[in-house]
Amino acid sequence: MLGLSQLFFDFTAAPQWSPLRSLRENAPPPEPPAETNDEPTRDEALEASARGWLEKLELPGMMRLLRIEWNPRLRSTAGYAHYGQCRIELNPRLREFDGQVERTLKHELAHLIAHHRCGRRRIEPHGAEWRAACADLGIPGERARHSLPFPRNEVERKHLYVCPGCQYTVRKVRKFRGPRACSACCKAHAGGKFDARFKLRYLQPEN
C-alpha cells in the first residue's frame, strides 16, 4: 500500500478556470435548418401518358420534346404551359383532388397542341384552337379557369386592345403608356418595324 509521501499531485496540468457568464456558452450548437426542395421535378410516367395521346393525334414532334414537371412554387395556378420549351408545369396539390391531375394535364397539353398547330399565327389562349385541342384530348367543354380551392392571386385585366389588321386582342392590367402595334403584323408586312396601320386600338374597359 502506498503512503501519502509517495503520492504526487501535479496542479500545473489542470485547465485554467474561468467563470461561466451564460448558460448559452455551454449549450450545443443549433442544428442547421432542414433543406427544402422547391425545385421542379420531372414526372416520366405522366410524360408517357401524354405521349400516348399525342401519338393518337399524329404529333410525333411534340412527343419527342414534351417534358412534364411538378412545380412546388405554383400556388394559385393549377398548371402552366411553356410554348417555346414544350414543357408543362403542374401544381403538386392537384394530387389531393380526384381526377384533376389528368384533366389539368390535358388542359395544358391542349395549349401546346393549339400553339403547335397554328405555328406563328397569333391565337387566343382559350380560343377556338384551344377548345378544338381539348375536344381531341377527350375534355370537350373544358373551362378556361379551374375551380379548385387554391389561394387566389387573380389580377383583373380589364383594358382591352385589338389589332385592326388581324383582330388579335390584348388584355392589360394597366393601359399602355405609349402607342403599341401588333408585332405579328409588323413582322409580316413592315419588316418588323412599327407600322401605324397595325397600331393597337383601345376598346372600352370590360366590366
N, C-alpha and C. Protein backbone atom coordinates (compact mmCIF):
# COMPACT_ATOMS: atom_id res chain seq x y z
N MET A 1 0.85 -1.19 0.00
CA MET A 1 0.00 0.00 0.00
C MET A 1 0.87 1.23 0.00
N LEU A 2 0.54 2.23 -0.83
CA LEU A 2 1.34 3.43 -0.94
C LEU A 2 1.06 4.38 0.21
N GLY A 3 2.08 5.04 0.69
CA GLY A 3 1.91 6.03 1.73
C GLY A 3 1.68 7.40 1.12
N LEU A 4 1.26 8.36 1.96
CA LEU A 4 1.00 9.69 1.43
C LEU A 4 2.23 10.34 0.87
N SER A 5 3.42 9.96 1.42
CA SER A 5 4.65 10.55 0.93
C SER A 5 4.99 10.11 -0.47
N GLN A 6 4.38 9.02 -0.93
CA GLN A 6 4.67 8.52 -2.27
C GLN A 6 3.72 9.06 -3.34
N LEU A 7 2.69 9.83 -2.96
CA LEU A 7 1.74 10.38 -3.92
C LEU A 7 2.23 11.71 -4.47
N PHE A 8 1.98 11.99 -5.72
CA PHE A 8 2.43 13.23 -6.35
C PHE A 8 1.25 13.88 -7.06
N PHE A 9 0.94 15.12 -6.75
CA PHE A 9 -0.18 15.85 -7.36
C PHE A 9 0.38 16.96 -8.24
N ASP A 10 0.07 16.93 -9.53
CA ASP A 10 0.57 17.95 -10.46
C ASP A 10 -0.56 18.94 -10.76
N PHE A 11 -0.63 20.02 -10.02
CA PHE A 11 -1.70 21.01 -10.21
C PHE A 11 -1.45 21.90 -11.43
N THR A 12 -0.22 21.89 -11.95
CA THR A 12 0.08 22.75 -13.11
C THR A 12 -0.60 22.24 -14.38
N ALA A 13 -1.00 20.97 -14.44
CA ALA A 13 -1.62 20.40 -15.64
C ALA A 13 -3.12 20.66 -15.70
N ALA A 14 -3.70 21.21 -14.63
CA ALA A 14 -5.14 21.44 -14.61
C ALA A 14 -5.51 22.57 -15.56
N PRO A 15 -6.66 22.50 -16.25
CA PRO A 15 -7.05 23.58 -17.17
C PRO A 15 -7.34 24.86 -16.41
N GLN A 16 -7.13 25.95 -17.10
CA GLN A 16 -7.38 27.25 -16.49
C GLN A 16 -8.87 27.47 -16.31
N TRP A 17 -9.24 27.90 -15.12
CA TRP A 17 -10.66 28.08 -14.81
C TRP A 17 -11.09 29.48 -15.14
N SER A 18 -12.29 29.59 -15.71
CA SER A 18 -12.85 30.92 -15.97
C SER A 18 -14.32 30.88 -15.60
N PRO A 19 -14.86 31.97 -15.08
CA PRO A 19 -16.25 31.96 -14.65
C PRO A 19 -17.21 31.81 -15.83
N LEU A 20 -18.35 31.16 -15.60
CA LEU A 20 -19.37 30.95 -16.62
C LEU A 20 -20.26 32.18 -16.68
N ARG A 21 -20.28 32.82 -17.85
CA ARG A 21 -21.05 34.05 -17.98
C ARG A 21 -22.50 33.78 -18.38
N SER A 22 -22.73 32.73 -19.12
CA SER A 22 -24.09 32.46 -19.60
C SER A 22 -24.25 30.98 -19.83
N LEU A 23 -25.45 30.46 -19.60
CA LEU A 23 -25.70 29.05 -19.85
C LEU A 23 -25.65 28.74 -21.34
N ARG A 24 -25.81 29.77 -22.19
CA ARG A 24 -25.78 29.56 -23.64
C ARG A 24 -24.40 29.16 -24.13
N GLU A 25 -23.35 29.51 -23.34
CA GLU A 25 -22.00 29.19 -23.79
C GLU A 25 -21.75 27.70 -23.81
N ASN A 26 -22.43 26.97 -22.92
CA ASN A 26 -22.24 25.52 -22.86
C ASN A 26 -23.32 24.76 -23.63
N ALA A 27 -24.27 25.48 -24.22
CA ALA A 27 -25.32 24.81 -24.97
C ALA A 27 -24.78 24.30 -26.30
N PRO A 28 -25.29 23.16 -26.78
CA PRO A 28 -24.81 22.63 -28.07
C PRO A 28 -25.21 23.57 -29.20
N PRO A 29 -24.44 23.60 -30.28
CA PRO A 29 -24.78 24.48 -31.41
C PRO A 29 -26.12 24.09 -32.02
N PRO A 30 -26.90 25.05 -32.50
CA PRO A 30 -28.21 24.73 -33.10
C PRO A 30 -28.04 23.91 -34.36
N GLU A 31 -28.99 23.01 -34.58
CA GLU A 31 -28.96 22.19 -35.77
C GLU A 31 -29.32 23.05 -36.98
N PRO A 32 -28.66 22.82 -38.10
CA PRO A 32 -28.99 23.60 -39.31
C PRO A 32 -30.41 23.30 -39.75
N PRO A 33 -31.13 24.28 -40.32
CA PRO A 33 -32.50 24.04 -40.77
C PRO A 33 -32.53 23.00 -41.88
N ALA A 34 -33.59 22.23 -41.85
CA ALA A 34 -33.74 21.17 -42.86
C ALA A 34 -33.88 21.79 -44.23
N GLU A 35 -33.21 21.21 -45.18
CA GLU A 35 -33.27 21.73 -46.55
C GLU A 35 -34.59 21.34 -47.19
N THR A 36 -35.23 22.30 -47.83
CA THR A 36 -36.48 22.04 -48.53
C THR A 36 -36.23 22.15 -50.03
N ASN A 37 -36.72 21.20 -50.74
CA ASN A 37 -36.52 21.16 -52.19
C ASN A 37 -37.77 21.71 -52.87
N ASP A 38 -37.68 22.93 -53.37
CA ASP A 38 -38.81 23.52 -54.07
C ASP A 38 -38.54 23.62 -55.56
N GLU A 39 -37.58 22.84 -56.05
CA GLU A 39 -37.27 22.82 -57.47
C GLU A 39 -38.23 21.88 -58.20
N PRO A 40 -38.59 22.20 -59.45
CA PRO A 40 -39.46 21.31 -60.22
C PRO A 40 -38.85 19.93 -60.40
N THR A 41 -39.69 18.91 -60.34
CA THR A 41 -39.25 17.53 -60.53
C THR A 41 -39.99 16.92 -61.72
N ARG A 42 -39.26 16.20 -62.53
CA ARG A 42 -39.83 15.62 -63.74
C ARG A 42 -40.67 14.39 -63.42
N ASP A 43 -41.76 14.19 -64.17
CA ASP A 43 -42.63 13.03 -64.00
C ASP A 43 -42.69 12.26 -65.32
N GLU A 44 -41.89 11.23 -65.39
CA GLU A 44 -41.79 10.47 -66.65
C GLU A 44 -43.04 9.63 -66.90
N ALA A 45 -43.75 9.24 -65.82
CA ALA A 45 -44.97 8.46 -66.01
C ALA A 45 -46.05 9.31 -66.69
N LEU A 46 -46.19 10.55 -66.27
CA LEU A 46 -47.16 11.44 -66.93
C LEU A 46 -46.73 11.75 -68.35
N GLU A 47 -45.44 11.87 -68.57
CA GLU A 47 -44.94 12.10 -69.92
C GLU A 47 -45.32 10.94 -70.84
N ALA A 48 -45.22 9.73 -70.33
CA ALA A 48 -45.57 8.55 -71.14
C ALA A 48 -47.05 8.58 -71.50
N SER A 49 -47.91 8.97 -70.55
CA SER A 49 -49.34 9.04 -70.84
C SER A 49 -49.61 10.11 -71.89
N ALA A 50 -48.99 11.27 -71.73
CA ALA A 50 -49.21 12.36 -72.67
C ALA A 50 -48.71 12.00 -74.06
N ARG A 51 -47.60 11.30 -74.13
CA ARG A 51 -47.08 10.91 -75.44
C ARG A 51 -48.04 9.94 -76.14
N GLY A 52 -48.73 9.14 -75.36
CA GLY A 52 -49.73 8.25 -75.94
C GLY A 52 -50.86 9.03 -76.58
N TRP A 53 -51.29 10.10 -75.92
CA TRP A 53 -52.35 10.95 -76.50
C TRP A 53 -51.84 11.65 -77.76
N LEU A 54 -50.60 12.13 -77.71
CA LEU A 54 -50.04 12.82 -78.87
C LEU A 54 -49.85 11.87 -80.05
N GLU A 55 -49.52 10.63 -79.76
CA GLU A 55 -49.35 9.65 -80.84
C GLU A 55 -50.66 9.43 -81.58
N LYS A 56 -51.77 9.38 -80.83
CA LYS A 56 -53.08 9.21 -81.47
C LYS A 56 -53.44 10.41 -82.34
N LEU A 57 -52.92 11.59 -81.96
CA LEU A 57 -53.20 12.80 -82.73
C LEU A 57 -52.16 13.06 -83.81
N GLU A 58 -51.24 12.10 -83.98
CA GLU A 58 -50.20 12.17 -85.01
C GLU A 58 -49.36 13.44 -84.88
N LEU A 59 -48.80 13.63 -83.67
CA LEU A 59 -47.92 14.76 -83.40
C LEU A 59 -46.58 14.24 -82.87
N PRO A 60 -45.79 13.60 -83.73
CA PRO A 60 -44.53 12.98 -83.27
C PRO A 60 -43.49 13.99 -82.80
N GLY A 61 -43.49 15.19 -83.40
CA GLY A 61 -42.52 16.20 -82.98
C GLY A 61 -42.70 16.59 -81.53
N MET A 62 -43.94 16.78 -81.12
CA MET A 62 -44.22 17.12 -79.73
C MET A 62 -43.90 15.95 -78.80
N MET A 63 -44.09 14.74 -79.28
CA MET A 63 -43.78 13.57 -78.46
C MET A 63 -42.32 13.56 -78.03
N ARG A 64 -41.44 13.96 -78.93
CA ARG A 64 -40.01 13.92 -78.62
C ARG A 64 -39.60 15.04 -77.66
N LEU A 65 -40.27 16.17 -77.74
CA LEU A 65 -39.85 17.34 -76.96
C LEU A 65 -40.54 17.49 -75.62
N LEU A 66 -41.68 16.88 -75.45
CA LEU A 66 -42.52 17.14 -74.28
C LEU A 66 -41.81 16.79 -72.97
N ARG A 67 -41.96 17.70 -72.01
CA ARG A 67 -41.44 17.49 -70.67
C ARG A 67 -42.51 17.95 -69.66
N ILE A 68 -42.75 17.15 -68.63
CA ILE A 68 -43.77 17.46 -67.63
C ILE A 68 -43.11 17.47 -66.25
N GLU A 69 -43.39 18.52 -65.48
CA GLU A 69 -42.75 18.69 -64.18
C GLU A 69 -43.78 19.07 -63.12
N TRP A 70 -43.50 18.68 -61.88
CA TRP A 70 -44.24 19.16 -60.72
C TRP A 70 -43.47 20.36 -60.17
N ASN A 71 -44.17 21.48 -60.03
CA ASN A 71 -43.51 22.69 -59.55
C ASN A 71 -44.13 23.13 -58.22
N PRO A 72 -43.44 22.92 -57.09
CA PRO A 72 -44.00 23.30 -55.78
C PRO A 72 -44.20 24.80 -55.61
N ARG A 73 -43.58 25.59 -56.49
CA ARG A 73 -43.71 27.04 -56.36
C ARG A 73 -45.04 27.56 -56.88
N LEU A 74 -45.79 26.73 -57.61
CA LEU A 74 -47.12 27.13 -58.07
C LEU A 74 -48.06 27.16 -56.87
N ARG A 75 -48.81 28.22 -56.74
CA ARG A 75 -49.72 28.38 -55.61
C ARG A 75 -51.18 28.43 -56.08
N SER A 76 -51.55 29.50 -56.77
CA SER A 76 -52.93 29.64 -57.22
C SER A 76 -53.17 28.98 -58.57
N THR A 77 -52.09 28.71 -59.30
CA THR A 77 -52.19 28.14 -60.64
C THR A 77 -52.18 26.62 -60.59
N ALA A 78 -53.11 25.99 -61.30
CA ALA A 78 -53.15 24.53 -61.34
C ALA A 78 -52.06 23.98 -62.26
N GLY A 79 -51.81 24.67 -63.35
CA GLY A 79 -50.79 24.22 -64.29
C GLY A 79 -50.38 25.36 -65.20
N TYR A 80 -49.28 25.14 -65.91
CA TYR A 80 -48.76 26.18 -66.80
C TYR A 80 -48.07 25.52 -67.98
N ALA A 81 -48.33 26.04 -69.18
CA ALA A 81 -47.73 25.50 -70.41
C ALA A 81 -46.71 26.49 -70.96
N HIS A 82 -45.48 26.02 -71.22
CA HIS A 82 -44.43 26.84 -71.81
C HIS A 82 -44.33 26.46 -73.29
N TYR A 83 -44.78 27.36 -74.16
CA TYR A 83 -44.85 27.04 -75.59
C TYR A 83 -43.48 26.76 -76.19
N GLY A 84 -42.53 27.68 -75.98
CA GLY A 84 -41.24 27.56 -76.64
C GLY A 84 -40.47 26.32 -76.24
N GLN A 85 -40.67 25.85 -75.00
CA GLN A 85 -39.91 24.71 -74.49
C GLN A 85 -40.70 23.40 -74.54
N CYS A 86 -41.96 23.47 -74.97
CA CYS A 86 -42.84 22.29 -74.98
C CYS A 86 -42.82 21.62 -73.60
N ARG A 87 -43.05 22.43 -72.60
CA ARG A 87 -42.95 21.95 -71.21
C ARG A 87 -44.21 22.36 -70.45
N ILE A 88 -44.64 21.45 -69.55
CA ILE A 88 -45.81 21.69 -68.72
C ILE A 88 -45.42 21.60 -67.26
N GLU A 89 -45.87 22.57 -66.47
CA GLU A 89 -45.67 22.54 -65.03
C GLU A 89 -47.01 22.31 -64.34
N LEU A 90 -47.02 21.47 -63.32
CA LEU A 90 -48.24 21.15 -62.60
C LEU A 90 -48.08 21.48 -61.12
N ASN A 91 -49.17 21.88 -60.50
CA ASN A 91 -49.20 22.15 -59.07
C ASN A 91 -49.29 20.83 -58.32
N PRO A 92 -48.38 20.54 -57.39
CA PRO A 92 -48.41 19.25 -56.66
C PRO A 92 -49.71 19.03 -55.89
N ARG A 93 -50.42 20.08 -55.55
CA ARG A 93 -51.67 19.92 -54.80
C ARG A 93 -52.77 19.28 -55.63
N LEU A 94 -52.57 19.17 -56.93
CA LEU A 94 -53.57 18.50 -57.78
C LEU A 94 -53.77 17.06 -57.34
N ARG A 95 -52.76 16.46 -56.74
CA ARG A 95 -52.86 15.06 -56.30
C ARG A 95 -53.92 14.89 -55.22
N GLU A 96 -54.31 15.97 -54.56
CA GLU A 96 -55.29 15.90 -53.49
C GLU A 96 -56.72 15.80 -54.01
N PHE A 97 -56.92 15.99 -55.32
CA PHE A 97 -58.26 16.04 -55.88
C PHE A 97 -58.40 14.98 -56.97
N ASP A 98 -59.39 14.15 -56.82
CA ASP A 98 -59.58 13.01 -57.71
C ASP A 98 -59.78 13.46 -59.16
N GLY A 99 -58.99 12.91 -60.05
CA GLY A 99 -59.13 13.15 -61.48
C GLY A 99 -58.56 14.45 -61.99
N GLN A 100 -58.07 15.32 -61.09
CA GLN A 100 -57.62 16.64 -61.52
C GLN A 100 -56.22 16.65 -62.14
N VAL A 101 -55.42 15.65 -61.83
CA VAL A 101 -54.08 15.60 -62.43
C VAL A 101 -54.21 15.40 -63.94
N GLU A 102 -54.98 14.40 -64.33
CA GLU A 102 -55.13 14.11 -65.77
C GLU A 102 -55.86 15.24 -66.48
N ARG A 103 -56.89 15.78 -65.85
CA ARG A 103 -57.65 16.84 -66.51
C ARG A 103 -56.80 18.09 -66.71
N THR A 104 -56.05 18.47 -65.68
CA THR A 104 -55.21 19.65 -65.80
C THR A 104 -54.10 19.42 -66.82
N LEU A 105 -53.55 18.20 -66.83
CA LEU A 105 -52.51 17.89 -67.80
C LEU A 105 -53.05 18.03 -69.22
N LYS A 106 -54.25 17.54 -69.47
CA LYS A 106 -54.84 17.66 -70.80
C LYS A 106 -55.16 19.12 -71.13
N HIS A 107 -55.59 19.87 -70.12
CA HIS A 107 -55.86 21.30 -70.32
C HIS A 107 -54.61 22.03 -70.82
N GLU A 108 -53.49 21.78 -70.13
CA GLU A 108 -52.24 22.46 -70.51
C GLU A 108 -51.68 21.89 -71.81
N LEU A 109 -51.82 20.60 -72.01
CA LEU A 109 -51.34 19.99 -73.26
C LEU A 109 -52.11 20.55 -74.46
N ALA A 110 -53.38 20.86 -74.26
CA ALA A 110 -54.18 21.45 -75.33
C ALA A 110 -53.61 22.80 -75.75
N HIS A 111 -53.07 23.57 -74.80
CA HIS A 111 -52.42 24.83 -75.14
C HIS A 111 -51.23 24.59 -76.08
N LEU A 112 -50.42 23.59 -75.74
CA LEU A 112 -49.25 23.30 -76.58
C LEU A 112 -49.66 22.82 -77.96
N ILE A 113 -50.71 21.99 -78.01
CA ILE A 113 -51.17 21.46 -79.30
C ILE A 113 -51.71 22.60 -80.17
N ALA A 114 -52.52 23.48 -79.57
CA ALA A 114 -53.08 24.60 -80.34
C ALA A 114 -51.97 25.49 -80.88
N HIS A 115 -50.99 25.77 -80.04
CA HIS A 115 -49.87 26.61 -80.47
C HIS A 115 -49.06 25.91 -81.57
N HIS A 116 -48.86 24.61 -81.44
CA HIS A 116 -48.10 23.85 -82.43
C HIS A 116 -48.82 23.83 -83.78
N ARG A 117 -50.11 23.63 -83.75
CA ARG A 117 -50.88 23.54 -84.99
C ARG A 117 -50.95 24.87 -85.73
N CYS A 118 -50.94 25.96 -85.00
CA CYS A 118 -51.11 27.28 -85.63
C CYS A 118 -49.79 27.93 -86.01
N GLY A 119 -48.67 27.32 -85.62
CA GLY A 119 -47.38 27.88 -85.97
C GLY A 119 -47.19 29.25 -85.37
N ARG A 120 -46.82 30.22 -86.20
CA ARG A 120 -46.55 31.58 -85.71
C ARG A 120 -47.80 32.46 -85.64
N ARG A 121 -48.91 31.94 -86.10
CA ARG A 121 -50.13 32.76 -86.09
C ARG A 121 -50.60 32.99 -84.66
N ARG A 122 -50.97 34.22 -84.35
CA ARG A 122 -51.45 34.56 -83.03
C ARG A 122 -52.83 33.96 -82.79
N ILE A 123 -53.04 33.40 -81.62
CA ILE A 123 -54.34 32.85 -81.27
C ILE A 123 -54.69 33.25 -79.85
N GLU A 124 -55.97 33.23 -79.53
CA GLU A 124 -56.42 33.49 -78.17
C GLU A 124 -56.02 32.31 -77.28
N PRO A 125 -55.58 32.57 -76.05
CA PRO A 125 -55.16 31.47 -75.17
C PRO A 125 -56.22 30.39 -74.99
N HIS A 126 -57.47 30.80 -74.85
CA HIS A 126 -58.56 29.83 -74.68
C HIS A 126 -59.59 29.98 -75.80
N GLY A 127 -59.07 30.19 -77.01
CA GLY A 127 -59.94 30.39 -78.16
C GLY A 127 -60.35 29.09 -78.83
N ALA A 128 -60.79 29.22 -80.07
CA ALA A 128 -61.33 28.08 -80.81
C ALA A 128 -60.29 26.98 -81.00
N GLU A 129 -59.04 27.37 -81.25
CA GLU A 129 -57.98 26.37 -81.47
C GLU A 129 -57.74 25.54 -80.22
N TRP A 130 -57.73 26.21 -79.07
CA TRP A 130 -57.54 25.50 -77.80
C TRP A 130 -58.73 24.60 -77.50
N ARG A 131 -59.94 25.07 -77.74
CA ARG A 131 -61.13 24.27 -77.48
C ARG A 131 -61.16 23.03 -78.37
N ALA A 132 -60.71 23.18 -79.63
CA ALA A 132 -60.65 22.03 -80.53
C ALA A 132 -59.64 21.00 -80.01
N ALA A 133 -58.50 21.46 -79.50
CA ALA A 133 -57.50 20.54 -78.95
C ALA A 133 -58.02 19.85 -77.71
N CYS A 134 -58.78 20.57 -76.89
CA CYS A 134 -59.39 19.94 -75.71
C CYS A 134 -60.32 18.81 -76.13
N ALA A 135 -61.15 19.07 -77.15
CA ALA A 135 -62.06 18.03 -77.64
C ALA A 135 -61.29 16.82 -78.15
N ASP A 136 -60.18 17.07 -78.85
CA ASP A 136 -59.36 15.96 -79.35
C ASP A 136 -58.77 15.12 -78.21
N LEU A 137 -58.54 15.76 -77.06
CA LEU A 137 -57.96 15.05 -75.91
C LEU A 137 -59.02 14.45 -75.00
N GLY A 138 -60.28 14.59 -75.37
CA GLY A 138 -61.34 13.96 -74.59
C GLY A 138 -61.91 14.80 -73.47
N ILE A 139 -61.68 16.14 -73.51
CA ILE A 139 -62.26 17.02 -72.49
C ILE A 139 -63.00 18.17 -73.18
N PRO A 140 -64.05 17.85 -73.97
CA PRO A 140 -64.82 18.93 -74.61
C PRO A 140 -65.52 19.78 -73.56
N GLY A 141 -65.66 21.05 -73.84
CA GLY A 141 -66.33 21.93 -72.90
C GLY A 141 -65.47 22.32 -71.71
N GLU A 142 -64.16 22.10 -71.80
CA GLU A 142 -63.25 22.46 -70.71
C GLU A 142 -63.32 23.97 -70.44
N ARG A 143 -63.29 24.32 -69.15
CA ARG A 143 -63.35 25.73 -68.77
C ARG A 143 -61.95 26.34 -68.80
N ALA A 144 -61.92 27.65 -69.00
CA ALA A 144 -60.63 28.35 -69.07
C ALA A 144 -59.94 28.38 -67.71
N ARG A 145 -60.70 28.50 -66.62
CA ARG A 145 -60.12 28.59 -65.28
C ARG A 145 -60.62 27.44 -64.41
N HIS A 146 -59.76 26.99 -63.52
CA HIS A 146 -60.15 25.91 -62.61
C HIS A 146 -60.96 26.46 -61.45
N SER A 147 -61.66 25.56 -60.75
CA SER A 147 -62.45 25.95 -59.58
C SER A 147 -61.94 25.27 -58.32
N LEU A 148 -60.67 24.90 -58.31
CA LEU A 148 -60.10 24.22 -57.15
C LEU A 148 -59.84 25.23 -56.02
N PRO A 149 -59.87 24.77 -54.79
CA PRO A 149 -59.69 25.68 -53.64
C PRO A 149 -58.23 26.05 -53.39
N PHE A 150 -57.59 26.63 -54.40
CA PHE A 150 -56.22 27.10 -54.25
C PHE A 150 -56.24 28.58 -53.85
N PRO A 151 -55.19 29.07 -53.22
CA PRO A 151 -55.13 30.51 -52.90
C PRO A 151 -55.25 31.33 -54.17
N ARG A 152 -56.11 32.33 -54.13
CA ARG A 152 -56.36 33.14 -55.31
C ARG A 152 -55.36 34.27 -55.43
N ASN A 153 -54.88 34.47 -56.63
CA ASN A 153 -53.96 35.58 -56.90
C ASN A 153 -54.29 36.16 -58.27
N GLU A 154 -55.56 36.48 -58.43
CA GLU A 154 -56.03 36.91 -59.73
C GLU A 154 -55.86 38.42 -59.91
N VAL A 155 -55.47 38.82 -61.08
CA VAL A 155 -55.33 40.23 -61.42
C VAL A 155 -56.31 40.53 -62.54
N GLU A 156 -57.10 41.54 -62.35
CA GLU A 156 -58.11 41.89 -63.34
C GLU A 156 -57.46 42.60 -64.52
N ARG A 157 -57.64 42.04 -65.70
CA ARG A 157 -57.11 42.64 -66.93
C ARG A 157 -58.31 43.21 -67.71
N LYS A 158 -58.69 44.42 -67.37
CA LYS A 158 -59.92 44.99 -67.92
C LYS A 158 -59.69 45.89 -69.13
N HIS A 159 -58.43 46.25 -69.42
CA HIS A 159 -58.15 47.14 -70.55
C HIS A 159 -57.91 46.29 -71.81
N LEU A 160 -58.75 46.48 -72.78
CA LEU A 160 -58.76 45.63 -73.97
C LEU A 160 -58.30 46.41 -75.20
N TYR A 161 -57.35 45.79 -75.95
CA TYR A 161 -56.85 46.36 -77.20
C TYR A 161 -57.07 45.35 -78.33
N VAL A 162 -57.21 45.84 -79.55
CA VAL A 162 -57.39 44.96 -80.70
C VAL A 162 -56.54 45.47 -81.86
N CYS A 163 -55.97 44.55 -82.62
CA CYS A 163 -55.21 44.91 -83.81
C CYS A 163 -56.19 45.10 -84.97
N PRO A 164 -56.15 46.23 -85.67
CA PRO A 164 -57.07 46.45 -86.80
C PRO A 164 -56.77 45.56 -88.00
N GLY A 165 -55.58 44.93 -88.00
CA GLY A 165 -55.23 44.07 -89.13
C GLY A 165 -55.71 42.64 -88.96
N CYS A 166 -55.20 41.97 -87.92
CA CYS A 166 -55.53 40.55 -87.72
C CYS A 166 -56.59 40.31 -86.65
N GLN A 167 -57.05 41.39 -86.00
CA GLN A 167 -58.07 41.31 -84.95
C GLN A 167 -57.59 40.59 -83.69
N TYR A 168 -56.28 40.49 -83.55
CA TYR A 168 -55.74 39.89 -82.32
C TYR A 168 -56.02 40.82 -81.14
N THR A 169 -56.47 40.27 -80.02
CA THR A 169 -56.82 41.09 -78.86
C THR A 169 -55.80 40.91 -77.74
N VAL A 170 -55.59 41.99 -77.00
CA VAL A 170 -54.66 42.01 -75.87
C VAL A 170 -55.39 42.59 -74.66
N ARG A 171 -55.29 41.90 -73.53
CA ARG A 171 -55.88 42.40 -72.29
C ARG A 171 -54.76 42.79 -71.33
N LYS A 172 -54.86 43.97 -70.76
CA LYS A 172 -53.83 44.50 -69.88
C LYS A 172 -54.41 44.94 -68.55
N VAL A 173 -53.58 44.84 -67.51
CA VAL A 173 -53.98 45.34 -66.19
C VAL A 173 -54.03 46.86 -66.22
N ARG A 174 -53.04 47.49 -66.85
CA ARG A 174 -52.97 48.94 -66.98
C ARG A 174 -52.88 49.31 -68.46
N LYS A 175 -53.27 50.53 -68.77
CA LYS A 175 -53.22 50.98 -70.15
C LYS A 175 -51.77 51.17 -70.58
N PHE A 176 -51.51 50.97 -71.88
CA PHE A 176 -50.19 51.25 -72.42
C PHE A 176 -49.88 52.74 -72.25
N ARG A 177 -48.62 53.05 -71.97
CA ARG A 177 -48.22 54.46 -71.81
C ARG A 177 -48.00 55.14 -73.16
N GLY A 178 -47.71 54.37 -74.16
CA GLY A 178 -47.49 54.93 -75.48
C GLY A 178 -48.11 54.04 -76.54
N PRO A 179 -47.98 54.42 -77.80
CA PRO A 179 -48.57 53.60 -78.88
C PRO A 179 -47.89 52.24 -78.99
N ARG A 180 -48.67 51.23 -79.24
CA ARG A 180 -48.19 49.88 -79.44
C ARG A 180 -48.81 49.32 -80.71
N ALA A 181 -48.06 48.48 -81.41
CA ALA A 181 -48.56 47.87 -82.63
C ALA A 181 -48.45 46.36 -82.53
N CYS A 182 -49.23 45.67 -83.32
CA CYS A 182 -49.23 44.21 -83.35
C CYS A 182 -47.89 43.72 -83.93
N SER A 183 -47.12 43.01 -83.14
CA SER A 183 -45.80 42.58 -83.59
C SER A 183 -45.88 41.60 -84.75
N ALA A 184 -46.89 40.72 -84.74
CA ALA A 184 -47.01 39.73 -85.81
C ALA A 184 -47.28 40.41 -87.15
N CYS A 185 -48.17 41.41 -87.16
CA CYS A 185 -48.49 42.11 -88.41
C CYS A 185 -47.31 42.97 -88.87
N CYS A 186 -46.62 43.59 -87.91
CA CYS A 186 -45.46 44.40 -88.28
C CYS A 186 -44.35 43.55 -88.88
N LYS A 187 -44.16 42.35 -88.33
CA LYS A 187 -43.15 41.45 -88.88
C LYS A 187 -43.53 40.97 -90.27
N ALA A 188 -44.83 40.69 -90.45
CA ALA A 188 -45.29 40.13 -91.73
C ALA A 188 -45.36 41.18 -92.84
N HIS A 189 -45.66 42.45 -92.49
CA HIS A 189 -45.93 43.45 -93.53
C HIS A 189 -45.04 44.69 -93.47
N ALA A 190 -44.20 44.81 -92.44
CA ALA A 190 -43.38 46.03 -92.33
C ALA A 190 -41.95 45.74 -91.92
N GLY A 191 -41.50 44.52 -92.16
CA GLY A 191 -40.12 44.17 -91.84
C GLY A 191 -39.79 44.24 -90.36
N GLY A 192 -40.78 44.12 -89.52
CA GLY A 192 -40.55 44.14 -88.08
C GLY A 192 -40.53 45.53 -87.47
N LYS A 193 -40.72 46.58 -88.28
CA LYS A 193 -40.72 47.95 -87.78
C LYS A 193 -42.15 48.38 -87.43
N PHE A 194 -42.23 49.38 -86.55
CA PHE A 194 -43.54 49.90 -86.16
C PHE A 194 -44.27 50.45 -87.36
N ASP A 195 -45.52 50.02 -87.51
CA ASP A 195 -46.35 50.48 -88.62
C ASP A 195 -47.69 50.92 -88.04
N ALA A 196 -48.04 52.18 -88.27
CA ALA A 196 -49.26 52.74 -87.70
C ALA A 196 -50.52 52.02 -88.18
N ARG A 197 -50.42 51.33 -89.32
CA ARG A 197 -51.59 50.60 -89.81
C ARG A 197 -52.02 49.51 -88.83
N PHE A 198 -51.05 49.04 -88.02
CA PHE A 198 -51.34 47.94 -87.11
C PHE A 198 -51.26 48.39 -85.64
N LYS A 199 -51.45 49.69 -85.45
CA LYS A 199 -51.47 50.22 -84.09
C LYS A 199 -52.65 49.64 -83.32
N LEU A 200 -52.40 49.13 -82.13
CA LEU A 200 -53.45 48.52 -81.31
C LEU A 200 -54.48 49.57 -80.94
N ARG A 201 -55.73 49.25 -81.20
CA ARG A 201 -56.83 50.18 -80.93
C ARG A 201 -57.45 49.87 -79.58
N TYR A 202 -57.59 50.90 -78.76
CA TYR A 202 -58.11 50.72 -77.41
C TYR A 202 -59.63 50.67 -77.42
N LEU A 203 -60.17 49.62 -76.78
CA LEU A 203 -61.61 49.48 -76.65
C LEU A 203 -62.03 49.90 -75.26
N GLN A 204 -63.32 49.97 -75.04
CA GLN A 204 -63.82 50.34 -73.71
C GLN A 204 -63.43 49.26 -72.69
N PRO A 205 -63.05 49.69 -71.46
CA PRO A 205 -62.70 48.69 -70.43
C PRO A 205 -63.86 47.73 -70.19
N GLU A 206 -63.49 46.46 -70.00
CA GLU A 206 -64.51 45.46 -69.71
C GLU A 206 -64.96 45.55 -68.27
N ASN A 207 -66.26 45.39 -68.02
CA ASN A 207 -66.77 45.44 -66.66
C ASN A 207 -66.62 44.08 -65.98
